[in-house]
Amino acid sequence: MALEATVGDDGMVYIRETEQPDVVAVTTAAKWEAFVKGVLAGEFDHFAAEVAEAAGTAGVAGGEAAARTCGAAHRS
């Protein structure tokens, strides 16, 4: 699974999952910026830890990867 994000001509941010490209979430640039800053600051790492624990894997590498992904998507 990967997320794709782009800014439309209207200034809104459009986000979709590659596995379900017909489902698109739309948000403002300000809200997207706040979300990306939160991911990079580790505000959501506990979610990744819970998923890793449920899956029987260790660490929050998924959260760290998500932070890199969100940062990259934000810059594009």
Foldseek 3Di string as FASTA:
>chain_A
DAKAWDQDPVQWIWIDDPVCRVDIDIGHLVVLVVVLVCLLVVVCQVVQQVVCVVVVHDDSVVSVVVSVRSVVNNVD
